[in-house]
């Protein structure tokens, strides 16, 4: 086996490693965001279930899910406070 083939193989493997790293980072961020959005939606459903009889109801839509997902627990508290003071 010639050294050229070994070097080309190693460069190819390094290129695959770089490509995998570049493609995997945004995928990890999207998976993490999806998990937080699901948790935020669950928290909003729990709040609607527990406090619905008191008149506290937060609509579950993409804006509230993104707020609860990106800001996590403070985002849910923000939605509750906004709902309390505006409505």
N, C-alpha and C. Protein backbone atom coordinates (compact mmCIF):
# COMPACT_ATOMS: atom_id res chain seq x y z
N UNK A 1 0.85 -1.17 0.00
CA UNK A 1 0.00 0.00 0.00
C UNK A 1 0.90 1.23 0.00
N UNK A 2 0.55 2.16 -0.83
CA UNK A 2 1.35 3.38 -0.92
C UNK A 2 0.94 4.38 0.15
N UNK A 3 1.86 5.25 0.47
CA UNK A 3 1.61 6.26 1.49
C UNK A 3 0.56 7.26 1.06
N UNK A 4 0.41 7.47 -0.25
CA UNK A 4 -0.60 8.41 -0.73
C UNK A 4 -1.99 7.95 -0.32
N UNK A 5 -2.26 6.66 -0.45
CA UNK A 5 -3.58 6.12 -0.11
C UNK A 5 -3.85 6.22 1.39
N UNK A 6 -2.83 6.02 2.18
CA UNK A 6 -2.98 6.13 3.64
C UNK A 6 -3.29 7.58 4.01
N UNK A 7 -2.56 8.51 3.43
CA UNK A 7 -2.79 9.93 3.73
C UNK A 7 -4.15 10.36 3.24
N UNK A 8 -4.56 9.94 2.04
CA UNK A 8 -5.89 10.29 1.51
C UNK A 8 -6.97 9.71 2.41
N UNK A 9 -6.78 8.48 2.88
CA UNK A 9 -7.75 7.86 3.79
C UNK A 9 -7.87 8.61 5.10
N UNK A 10 -6.74 9.01 5.66
CA UNK A 10 -6.76 9.76 6.92
C UNK A 10 -7.40 11.13 6.75
N UNK A 11 -7.11 11.80 5.64
CA UNK A 11 -7.73 13.10 5.36
C UNK A 11 -9.24 12.93 5.17
N UNK A 12 -9.64 11.85 4.50
CA UNK A 12 -11.07 11.59 4.32
C UNK A 12 -11.77 11.32 5.64
N UNK A 13 -11.16 10.55 6.52
CA UNK A 13 -11.74 10.29 7.84
C UNK A 13 -11.83 11.57 8.67
N UNK A 14 -10.81 12.40 8.58
CA UNK A 14 -10.84 13.68 9.30
C UNK A 14 -11.95 14.58 8.75
N UNK A 15 -12.14 14.56 7.43
CA UNK A 15 -13.23 15.33 6.82
C UNK A 15 -14.59 14.84 7.27
N UNK A 16 -14.76 13.52 7.36
CA UNK A 16 -16.03 12.97 7.86
C UNK A 16 -16.26 13.35 9.31
N UNK A 17 -15.20 13.37 10.09
CA UNK A 17 -15.31 13.78 11.49
C UNK A 17 -15.77 15.24 11.59
N UNK A 18 -15.15 16.11 10.79
CA UNK A 18 -15.54 17.53 10.81
C UNK A 18 -16.97 17.72 10.34
N UNK A 19 -17.35 17.02 9.29
CA UNK A 19 -18.72 17.13 8.77
C UNK A 19 -19.73 16.64 9.80
N UNK A 20 -19.42 15.53 10.45
CA UNK A 20 -20.32 15.03 11.49
C UNK A 20 -20.44 15.98 12.66
N UNK A 21 -19.34 16.60 13.05
CA UNK A 21 -19.37 17.56 14.14
C UNK A 21 -20.18 18.79 13.79
N UNK A 22 -20.02 19.29 12.58
CA UNK A 22 -20.74 20.48 12.14
C UNK A 22 -22.24 20.21 12.04
N UNK A 23 -22.63 19.03 11.60
CA UNK A 23 -24.04 18.70 11.47
C UNK A 23 -24.68 18.29 12.79
N UNK A 24 -23.90 17.78 13.73
CA UNK A 24 -24.46 17.29 14.98
C UNK A 24 -24.74 18.40 15.98
N UNK A 25 -23.99 19.47 15.98
CA UNK A 25 -24.20 20.55 16.96
C UNK A 25 -25.58 21.19 16.84
N UNK A 26 -26.02 21.61 15.63
CA UNK A 26 -27.37 22.18 15.55
C UNK A 26 -28.46 21.15 15.87
N UNK A 27 -28.21 19.90 15.55
CA UNK A 27 -29.19 18.86 15.85
C UNK A 27 -29.36 18.69 17.36
N UNK A 28 -28.27 18.75 18.11
CA UNK A 28 -28.35 18.68 19.56
C UNK A 28 -29.15 19.86 20.12
N UNK A 29 -28.91 21.04 19.58
CA UNK A 29 -29.63 22.23 20.05
C UNK A 29 -31.12 22.11 19.75
N UNK A 30 -31.48 21.60 18.58
CA UNK A 30 -32.89 21.44 18.24
C UNK A 30 -33.56 20.39 19.12
N UNK A 31 -32.87 19.32 19.41
CA UNK A 31 -33.43 18.28 20.27
C UNK A 31 -33.63 18.83 21.68
N UNK A 32 -32.67 19.59 22.17
CA UNK A 32 -32.78 20.19 23.50
C UNK A 32 -33.95 21.18 23.54
N UNK A 33 -34.10 21.99 22.50
CA UNK A 33 -35.20 22.95 22.44
C UNK A 33 -36.54 22.22 22.39
N UNK A 34 -36.63 21.16 21.62
CA UNK A 34 -37.88 20.39 21.54
C UNK A 34 -38.23 19.79 22.90
N UNK A 35 -37.23 19.31 23.62
CA UNK A 35 -37.49 18.74 24.95
C UNK A 35 -38.00 19.82 25.91
N UNK A 36 -37.40 21.00 25.88
CA UNK A 36 -37.85 22.09 26.76
C UNK A 36 -39.23 22.57 26.38
N UNK A 37 -39.54 22.58 25.07
CA UNK A 37 -40.87 22.99 24.64
C UNK A 37 -41.91 21.98 25.12
N UNK A 38 -41.60 20.70 25.04
CA UNK A 38 -42.53 19.68 25.55
C UNK A 38 -42.73 19.82 27.05
N UNK A 39 -41.66 20.08 27.78
CA UNK A 39 -41.78 20.27 29.23
C UNK A 39 -42.59 21.53 29.54
N UNK A 40 -42.36 22.60 28.80
CA UNK A 40 -43.13 23.83 29.00
C UNK A 40 -44.60 23.63 28.70
N UNK A 41 -44.91 22.87 27.64
CA UNK A 41 -46.31 22.57 27.33
C UNK A 41 -46.95 21.73 28.42
N UNK A 42 -46.20 20.79 28.97
CA UNK A 42 -46.72 19.99 30.08
C UNK A 42 -47.00 20.87 31.30
N UNK A 43 -46.09 21.79 31.61
CA UNK A 43 -46.31 22.70 32.74
C UNK A 43 -47.53 23.59 32.51
N UNK A 44 -47.72 24.05 31.28
CA UNK A 44 -48.89 24.87 30.98
C UNK A 44 -50.18 24.06 31.14
N UNK A 45 -50.16 22.80 30.72
CA UNK A 45 -51.34 21.95 30.90
C UNK A 45 -51.62 21.71 32.38
N UNK A 46 -50.57 21.52 33.18
CA UNK A 46 -50.75 21.33 34.62
C UNK A 46 -51.34 22.58 35.25
N UNK A 47 -50.83 23.74 34.87
CA UNK A 47 -51.36 25.00 35.42
C UNK A 47 -52.81 25.19 35.01
N UNK A 48 -53.14 24.90 33.75
CA UNK A 48 -54.52 25.02 33.30
C UNK A 48 -55.44 24.05 34.05
N UNK A 49 -54.95 22.86 34.34
CA UNK A 49 -55.76 21.88 35.04
C UNK A 49 -55.96 22.26 36.51
N UNK A 50 -54.88 22.68 37.17
CA UNK A 50 -54.97 22.98 38.59
C UNK A 50 -55.70 24.29 38.88
N UNK A 51 -55.46 25.29 38.06
CA UNK A 51 -56.01 26.62 38.35
C UNK A 51 -57.11 27.04 37.39
N UNK A 52 -57.61 26.12 36.58
CA UNK A 52 -58.68 26.45 35.64
C UNK A 52 -59.96 26.84 36.34
N UNK A 53 -60.25 26.21 37.46
CA UNK A 53 -61.48 26.52 38.19
C UNK A 53 -61.41 27.89 38.86
N UNK A 54 -60.22 28.44 39.00
CA UNK A 54 -60.06 29.79 39.56
C UNK A 54 -60.08 30.87 38.48
N UNK A 55 -60.22 30.45 37.23
CA UNK A 55 -60.26 31.41 36.13
C UNK A 55 -58.91 31.67 35.49
N UNK A 56 -57.90 30.95 35.90
CA UNK A 56 -56.58 31.12 35.30
C UNK A 56 -56.42 30.10 34.19
N UNK A 57 -56.45 30.56 32.97
CA UNK A 57 -56.30 29.68 31.81
C UNK A 57 -55.32 30.34 30.85
N UNK A 58 -54.26 29.62 30.51
CA UNK A 58 -53.26 30.12 29.57
C UNK A 58 -53.41 29.33 28.28
N UNK A 59 -53.65 30.03 27.19
CA UNK A 59 -53.80 29.36 25.90
C UNK A 59 -52.48 28.70 25.51
N UNK A 60 -52.58 27.49 24.99
CA UNK A 60 -51.39 26.78 24.55
C UNK A 60 -51.31 26.92 23.03
N UNK A 61 -50.40 27.77 22.60
CA UNK A 61 -50.18 28.01 21.17
C UNK A 61 -48.68 28.11 20.94
N UNK A 62 -48.24 28.26 19.70
CA UNK A 62 -46.79 28.29 19.45
C UNK A 62 -46.04 29.39 20.21
N UNK A 63 -46.65 30.54 20.39
CA UNK A 63 -45.97 31.63 21.09
C UNK A 63 -45.76 31.28 22.56
N UNK A 64 -46.79 30.77 23.22
CA UNK A 64 -46.65 30.42 24.63
C UNK A 64 -45.73 29.21 24.81
N UNK A 65 -45.76 28.28 23.87
CA UNK A 65 -44.86 27.13 23.96
C UNK A 65 -43.40 27.56 23.79
N UNK A 66 -43.14 28.48 22.85
CA UNK A 66 -41.77 28.97 22.69
C UNK A 66 -41.32 29.78 23.90
N UNK A 67 -42.23 30.56 24.47
CA UNK A 67 -41.88 31.31 25.67
C UNK A 67 -41.56 30.38 26.82
N UNK A 68 -42.40 29.37 27.01
CA UNK A 68 -42.16 28.41 28.08
C UNK A 68 -40.94 27.55 27.79
N UNK A 69 -40.67 27.28 26.52
CA UNK A 69 -39.53 26.45 26.17
C UNK A 69 -38.21 27.17 26.24
N UNK A 70 -38.16 28.40 25.75
CA UNK A 70 -36.90 29.14 25.75
C UNK A 70 -36.55 29.68 27.13
N UNK A 71 -37.56 30.20 27.85
CA UNK A 71 -37.29 30.79 29.16
C UNK A 71 -37.48 29.80 30.31
N UNK A 72 -38.02 28.64 30.01
CA UNK A 72 -38.23 27.54 30.96
C UNK A 72 -39.16 27.97 32.09
N UNK A 73 -38.83 27.71 33.33
CA UNK A 73 -39.73 28.00 34.44
C UNK A 73 -40.02 29.50 34.61
N UNK A 74 -39.04 30.38 34.45
CA UNK A 74 -39.37 31.81 34.50
C UNK A 74 -40.33 32.22 33.37
N UNK A 75 -40.26 31.55 32.24
CA UNK A 75 -41.19 31.84 31.15
C UNK A 75 -42.61 31.46 31.50
N UNK A 76 -42.78 30.34 32.18
CA UNK A 76 -44.12 29.93 32.63
C UNK A 76 -44.63 30.93 33.66
N UNK A 77 -43.77 31.33 34.58
CA UNK A 77 -44.17 32.34 35.57
C UNK A 77 -44.53 33.66 34.90
N UNK A 78 -43.79 34.03 33.87
CA UNK A 78 -44.09 35.24 33.11
C UNK A 78 -45.46 35.14 32.45
N UNK A 79 -45.76 34.00 31.87
CA UNK A 79 -47.07 33.82 31.22
C UNK A 79 -48.20 33.90 32.24
N UNK A 80 -47.99 33.33 33.41
CA UNK A 80 -49.01 33.40 34.46
C UNK A 80 -49.21 34.84 34.91
N UNK A 81 -48.12 35.58 35.11
CA UNK A 81 -48.24 36.97 35.55
C UNK A 81 -48.88 37.84 34.49
N UNK A 82 -48.50 37.65 33.23
CA UNK A 82 -49.10 38.43 32.14
C UNK A 82 -50.59 38.14 32.05
N UNK A 83 -50.94 36.88 32.20
CA UNK A 83 -52.36 36.52 32.14
C UNK A 83 -53.11 37.11 33.32
N UNK A 84 -52.51 37.13 34.50
CA UNK A 84 -53.16 37.67 35.69
C UNK A 84 -53.37 39.17 35.60
N UNK A 85 -52.36 39.90 35.12
CA UNK A 85 -52.46 41.36 35.10
C UNK A 85 -53.22 41.90 33.90
N UNK A 86 -53.22 41.19 32.78
CA UNK A 86 -53.89 41.71 31.60
C UNK A 86 -55.35 41.30 31.57
N UNK A 87 -55.64 40.10 31.97
CA UNK A 87 -57.04 39.63 31.88
C UNK A 87 -57.71 39.70 33.22
